[in-house]
């Protein structure tokens, strides 16, 4: 999709939704994903030289109600990545093993 919508190049920050049948399950799966990464650092900043991951619903926006979170664009399934300079195979392997744990 990045090449389709941004043919001149994409940034190193991306987000995706984590599976779950209910918002509560999505929330739990997001936390579980964060707890299972090994290479990624769990930090809220972006644009670092190291790879970062965050689940905003359970961290930066946790004080808000579900409705308030959604009004800011944060959903229980949303996970944000900031890709660093590590080897892409290491990055992908870390994400795969963490997603497999979920």
Foldseek 3Di string as FASTA:
>chain_A
DCCVVPVVDDAQKDKDFADDPDLVRLLVLQVQLQVQFDQADDDDDADDQGKHKYQCCVPVVVVDDQVVCVVVVHGSGMMMMHHHDPDPVSVVVRSVVSSVRD
